[in-house]
Amino acid sequence: MINNIRDAFIEMVKDSTWMDETSKGLAIEKNYSTEQLFFMNYGQIWCSKMTDANALNRVQTGVHSPGRFRVIGPPSNFAEFDRVFNCKPGQGNSRVNKCTVW
């Protein structure tokens, strides 16, 4: 069962048949690895635009954090993100003191 970004990443590494021909072409053309595409797709699925009023309403009434924070938090605490993008802890979206919940 996939419950979080770590589980999804591990499953993706085990089986890359999820990549369609367009993704494979992008990986070759832009020189991205399948692991980098995984994280770019993860960010893309949470991409959204809303008014300030809508965002405030979602924060006050919703059970999930806004997409922006769902994109920033998990990868910044995931060592595989650092490895895949060659980040040093504290650089960019990489935390020095990582928090692992799952």
N, C-alpha and C. Protein backbone atom coordinates (compact mmCIF):
# COMPACT_ATOMS: atom_id res chain seq x y z
N MET A 1 0.84 -1.18 0.00
CA MET A 1 0.00 0.00 0.00
C MET A 1 0.89 1.25 0.00
N ILE A 2 0.53 2.20 -0.83
CA ILE A 2 1.30 3.44 -0.92
C ILE A 2 0.59 4.51 -0.10
N ASN A 3 1.28 4.97 0.95
CA ASN A 3 0.69 5.95 1.85
C ASN A 3 1.37 7.31 1.82
N ASN A 4 2.54 7.40 1.22
CA ASN A 4 3.29 8.64 1.28
C ASN A 4 4.31 8.70 0.14
N ILE A 5 5.02 9.81 0.06
CA ILE A 5 5.97 10.01 -1.03
C ILE A 5 7.10 8.97 -0.99
N ARG A 6 7.52 8.59 0.19
CA ARG A 6 8.59 7.60 0.32
C ARG A 6 8.15 6.25 -0.28
N ASP A 7 6.94 5.80 0.08
CA ASP A 7 6.42 4.54 -0.46
C ASP A 7 6.29 4.61 -1.98
N ALA A 8 5.77 5.73 -2.49
CA ALA A 8 5.59 5.89 -3.93
C ALA A 8 6.93 5.87 -4.65
N PHE A 9 7.92 6.53 -4.08
CA PHE A 9 9.24 6.57 -4.69
C PHE A 9 9.85 5.17 -4.75
N ILE A 10 9.75 4.44 -3.66
CA ILE A 10 10.30 3.07 -3.61
C ILE A 10 9.63 2.19 -4.65
N GLU A 11 8.31 2.28 -4.78
CA GLU A 11 7.60 1.49 -5.78
C GLU A 11 7.99 1.89 -7.19
N MET A 12 8.18 3.20 -7.41
CA MET A 12 8.58 3.67 -8.73
C MET A 12 9.96 3.13 -9.11
N VAL A 13 10.87 3.13 -8.16
CA VAL A 13 12.22 2.62 -8.43
C VAL A 13 12.17 1.14 -8.78
N LYS A 14 11.29 0.39 -8.12
CA LYS A 14 11.16 -1.05 -8.38
C LYS A 14 10.62 -1.32 -9.79
N ASP A 15 9.71 -0.46 -10.26
CA ASP A 15 9.03 -0.74 -11.52
C ASP A 15 8.81 0.56 -12.29
N SER A 16 9.60 0.79 -13.31
CA SER A 16 9.47 2.04 -14.07
C SER A 16 8.55 1.88 -15.29
N THR A 17 7.73 0.84 -15.34
CA THR A 17 6.81 0.68 -16.47
C THR A 17 5.71 1.74 -16.46
N TRP A 18 5.61 2.52 -15.38
CA TRP A 18 4.63 3.60 -15.30
C TRP A 18 4.93 4.71 -16.31
N MET A 19 6.17 4.79 -16.78
CA MET A 19 6.54 5.86 -17.70
C MET A 19 6.01 5.61 -19.09
N ASP A 20 5.20 6.55 -19.59
CA ASP A 20 4.70 6.42 -20.95
C ASP A 20 5.77 6.94 -21.93
N GLU A 21 5.49 6.82 -23.20
CA GLU A 21 6.47 7.21 -24.23
C GLU A 21 6.80 8.70 -24.17
N THR A 22 5.82 9.54 -23.86
CA THR A 22 6.07 10.98 -23.76
C THR A 22 7.06 11.27 -22.64
N SER A 23 6.85 10.63 -21.49
CA SER A 23 7.76 10.82 -20.36
C SER A 23 9.16 10.33 -20.69
N LYS A 24 9.25 9.19 -21.36
CA LYS A 24 10.56 8.67 -21.74
C LYS A 24 11.26 9.63 -22.69
N GLY A 25 10.51 10.19 -23.62
CA GLY A 25 11.08 11.16 -24.56
C GLY A 25 11.58 12.41 -23.85
N LEU A 26 10.80 12.89 -22.89
CA LEU A 26 11.19 14.07 -22.11
C LEU A 26 12.45 13.78 -21.32
N ALA A 27 12.51 12.61 -20.73
CA ALA A 27 13.68 12.24 -19.94
C ALA A 27 14.93 12.25 -20.81
N ILE A 28 14.83 11.74 -22.01
CA ILE A 28 15.99 11.70 -22.91
C ILE A 28 16.29 13.10 -23.44
N GLU A 29 15.26 13.81 -23.92
CA GLU A 29 15.46 15.14 -24.53
C GLU A 29 16.01 16.16 -23.54
N LYS A 30 15.47 16.17 -22.34
CA LYS A 30 15.87 17.17 -21.34
C LYS A 30 16.93 16.65 -20.37
N ASN A 31 17.32 15.41 -20.56
CA ASN A 31 18.35 14.79 -19.72
C ASN A 31 17.92 14.68 -18.25
N TYR A 32 16.66 14.31 -18.04
CA TYR A 32 16.16 14.07 -16.69
C TYR A 32 16.15 12.57 -16.43
N SER A 33 16.43 12.19 -15.21
CA SER A 33 16.33 10.78 -14.85
C SER A 33 14.87 10.46 -14.51
N THR A 34 14.54 9.19 -14.48
CA THR A 34 13.18 8.81 -14.08
C THR A 34 12.90 9.27 -12.65
N GLU A 35 13.93 9.26 -11.81
CA GLU A 35 13.75 9.71 -10.43
C GLU A 35 13.46 11.21 -10.37
N GLN A 36 14.13 12.00 -11.20
CA GLN A 36 13.85 13.44 -11.24
C GLN A 36 12.43 13.69 -11.75
N LEU A 37 12.03 12.94 -12.77
CA LEU A 37 10.66 13.08 -13.30
C LEU A 37 9.63 12.73 -12.23
N PHE A 38 9.92 11.76 -11.39
CA PHE A 38 9.01 11.41 -10.31
C PHE A 38 8.74 12.63 -9.44
N PHE A 39 9.80 13.31 -9.00
CA PHE A 39 9.63 14.46 -8.12
C PHE A 39 9.00 15.65 -8.84
N MET A 40 9.30 15.83 -10.12
CA MET A 40 8.67 16.92 -10.87
C MET A 40 7.17 16.65 -11.02
N ASN A 41 6.81 15.40 -11.27
CA ASN A 41 5.40 15.05 -11.36
C ASN A 41 4.71 15.23 -10.01
N TYR A 42 5.38 14.86 -8.95
CA TYR A 42 4.82 15.04 -7.61
C TYR A 42 4.48 16.51 -7.37
N GLY A 43 5.38 17.40 -7.75
CA GLY A 43 5.10 18.83 -7.60
C GLY A 43 3.96 19.29 -8.49
N GLN A 44 3.92 18.78 -9.70
CA GLN A 44 2.91 19.19 -10.66
C GLN A 44 1.49 18.82 -10.22
N ILE A 45 1.33 17.66 -9.61
CA ILE A 45 -0.03 17.24 -9.24
C ILE A 45 -0.63 18.12 -8.15
N TRP A 46 0.20 18.83 -7.38
CA TRP A 46 -0.32 19.71 -6.33
C TRP A 46 -0.39 21.16 -6.78
N CYS A 47 -0.06 21.43 -8.03
CA CYS A 47 -0.06 22.79 -8.56
C CYS A 47 -1.50 23.32 -8.60
N SER A 48 -1.69 24.51 -8.06
CA SER A 48 -3.03 25.12 -8.10
C SER A 48 -2.90 26.63 -7.98
N LYS A 49 -3.96 27.30 -8.32
CA LYS A 49 -4.02 28.75 -8.19
C LYS A 49 -5.40 29.08 -7.63
N MET A 50 -5.43 29.90 -6.57
CA MET A 50 -6.71 30.26 -5.98
C MET A 50 -6.62 31.66 -5.40
N THR A 51 -7.76 32.22 -5.16
CA THR A 51 -7.80 33.56 -4.57
C THR A 51 -7.38 33.46 -3.10
N ASP A 52 -7.00 34.59 -2.53
CA ASP A 52 -6.62 34.62 -1.11
C ASP A 52 -7.79 34.17 -0.24
N ALA A 53 -9.00 34.58 -0.61
CA ALA A 53 -10.18 34.20 0.17
C ALA A 53 -10.41 32.69 0.12
N ASN A 54 -10.25 32.10 -1.04
CA ASN A 54 -10.42 30.66 -1.17
C ASN A 54 -9.34 29.92 -0.37
N ALA A 55 -8.10 30.40 -0.46
CA ALA A 55 -7.00 29.77 0.28
C ALA A 55 -7.27 29.83 1.78
N LEU A 56 -7.71 30.99 2.27
CA LEU A 56 -8.01 31.14 3.69
C LEU A 56 -9.13 30.20 4.11
N ASN A 57 -10.16 30.08 3.30
CA ASN A 57 -11.27 29.19 3.60
C ASN A 57 -10.80 27.74 3.68
N ARG A 58 -9.95 27.34 2.76
CA ARG A 58 -9.45 25.96 2.76
C ARG A 58 -8.59 25.67 3.99
N VAL A 59 -7.78 26.66 4.39
CA VAL A 59 -6.95 26.48 5.57
C VAL A 59 -7.81 26.37 6.82
N GLN A 60 -8.85 27.17 6.89
CA GLN A 60 -9.70 27.19 8.08
C GLN A 60 -10.67 26.01 8.15
N THR A 61 -11.07 25.48 7.02
CA THR A 61 -12.09 24.43 7.03
C THR A 61 -11.62 23.07 6.52
N GLY A 62 -10.51 23.04 5.80
CA GLY A 62 -10.04 21.80 5.19
C GLY A 62 -9.27 20.92 6.17
N VAL A 63 -9.13 19.67 5.82
CA VAL A 63 -8.38 18.73 6.66
C VAL A 63 -6.96 18.53 6.16
N HIS A 64 -6.67 19.02 4.95
CA HIS A 64 -5.33 18.86 4.37
C HIS A 64 -4.65 20.21 4.24
N SER A 65 -3.32 20.19 4.29
CA SER A 65 -2.59 21.43 4.07
C SER A 65 -2.68 21.81 2.59
N PRO A 66 -2.53 23.10 2.30
CA PRO A 66 -2.58 23.54 0.91
C PRO A 66 -1.50 22.87 0.06
N GLY A 67 -1.78 22.75 -1.23
CA GLY A 67 -0.87 22.07 -2.15
C GLY A 67 0.56 22.56 -2.07
N ARG A 68 0.75 23.87 -1.95
CA ARG A 68 2.11 24.42 -1.90
C ARG A 68 2.93 23.77 -0.78
N PHE A 69 2.31 23.60 0.37
CA PHE A 69 3.02 23.03 1.51
C PHE A 69 3.15 21.52 1.41
N ARG A 70 2.24 20.90 0.67
CA ARG A 70 2.34 19.46 0.43
C ARG A 70 3.48 19.17 -0.53
N VAL A 71 3.84 20.15 -1.37
CA VAL A 71 4.95 19.99 -2.30
C VAL A 71 6.28 20.30 -1.62
N ILE A 72 6.32 21.31 -0.80
CA ILE A 72 7.57 21.73 -0.16
C ILE A 72 7.99 20.79 0.97
N GLY A 73 7.07 20.43 1.84
CA GLY A 73 7.40 19.68 3.04
C GLY A 73 7.99 18.29 2.82
N PRO A 74 7.24 17.36 2.24
CA PRO A 74 7.75 15.99 2.12
C PRO A 74 9.08 15.86 1.38
N PRO A 75 9.25 16.46 0.20
CA PRO A 75 10.54 16.30 -0.46
C PRO A 75 11.70 16.94 0.31
N SER A 76 11.44 18.03 1.01
CA SER A 76 12.52 18.70 1.75
C SER A 76 13.02 17.84 2.91
N ASN A 77 12.21 16.89 3.33
CA ASN A 77 12.59 15.98 4.41
C ASN A 77 13.00 14.60 3.91
N PHE A 78 13.14 14.45 2.60
CA PHE A 78 13.40 13.14 2.00
C PHE A 78 14.80 13.13 1.38
N ALA A 79 15.68 12.33 1.95
CA ALA A 79 17.08 12.29 1.50
C ALA A 79 17.20 11.92 0.02
N GLU A 80 16.27 11.13 -0.50
CA GLU A 80 16.33 10.74 -1.91
C GLU A 80 16.17 11.96 -2.83
N PHE A 81 15.40 12.95 -2.40
CA PHE A 81 15.25 14.18 -3.18
C PHE A 81 16.62 14.85 -3.32
N ASP A 82 17.35 14.93 -2.21
CA ASP A 82 18.69 15.53 -2.23
C ASP A 82 19.61 14.76 -3.18
N ARG A 83 19.58 13.45 -3.08
CA ARG A 83 20.44 12.62 -3.92
C ARG A 83 20.12 12.80 -5.40
N VAL A 84 18.84 12.75 -5.72
CA VAL A 84 18.41 12.82 -7.12
C VAL A 84 18.76 14.15 -7.76
N PHE A 85 18.64 15.25 -7.01
CA PHE A 85 18.93 16.57 -7.55
C PHE A 85 20.29 17.11 -7.11
N ASN A 86 21.08 16.26 -6.47
CA ASN A 86 22.43 16.62 -6.05
C ASN A 86 22.42 17.87 -5.15
N CYS A 87 21.51 17.90 -4.19
CA CYS A 87 21.41 19.02 -3.24
C CYS A 87 22.17 18.68 -1.97
N LYS A 88 22.74 19.68 -1.38
CA LYS A 88 23.36 19.52 -0.07
C LYS A 88 22.34 19.96 0.97
N PRO A 89 22.30 19.32 2.14
CA PRO A 89 21.37 19.76 3.18
C PRO A 89 21.52 21.27 3.45
N GLY A 90 20.37 21.94 3.45
CA GLY A 90 20.35 23.38 3.65
C GLY A 90 20.33 24.16 2.35
N GLN A 91 20.52 23.48 1.23
CA GLN A 91 20.53 24.12 -0.07
C GLN A 91 19.15 23.99 -0.72
N GLY A 92 18.62 25.08 -1.22
CA GLY A 92 17.33 25.04 -1.90
C GLY A 92 16.22 24.49 -1.01
N ASN A 93 15.57 23.44 -1.49
CA ASN A 93 14.45 22.84 -0.76
C ASN A 93 14.89 21.72 0.17
N SER A 94 16.17 21.63 0.47
CA SER A 94 16.67 20.56 1.33
C SER A 94 16.87 21.04 2.76
N ARG A 95 16.27 20.34 3.68
CA ARG A 95 16.44 20.69 5.10
C ARG A 95 17.72 20.07 5.65
N VAL A 96 18.31 20.77 6.61
CA VAL A 96 19.48 20.24 7.30
C VAL A 96 19.03 19.15 8.26
N ASN A 97 18.06 19.46 9.09
CA ASN A 97 17.52 18.49 10.07
C ASN A 97 16.22 17.92 9.51
N LYS A 98 16.33 16.78 8.89
CA LYS A 98 15.16 16.17 8.25
C LYS A 98 14.26 15.50 9.29
N CYS A 99 12.97 15.56 9.01
CA CYS A 99 11.96 14.97 9.88
C CYS A 99 11.34 13.79 9.13
N THR A 100 11.45 12.61 9.67
CA THR A 100 10.86 11.42 9.04
C THR A 100 9.72 10.91 9.91
N VAL A 101 8.52 10.94 9.34
CA VAL A 101 7.35 10.48 10.09
C VAL A 101 7.01 9.04 9.72
N TRP A 102 7.02 8.72 8.45
CA TRP A 102 6.61 7.38 8.02
C TRP A 102 7.80 6.48 7.94
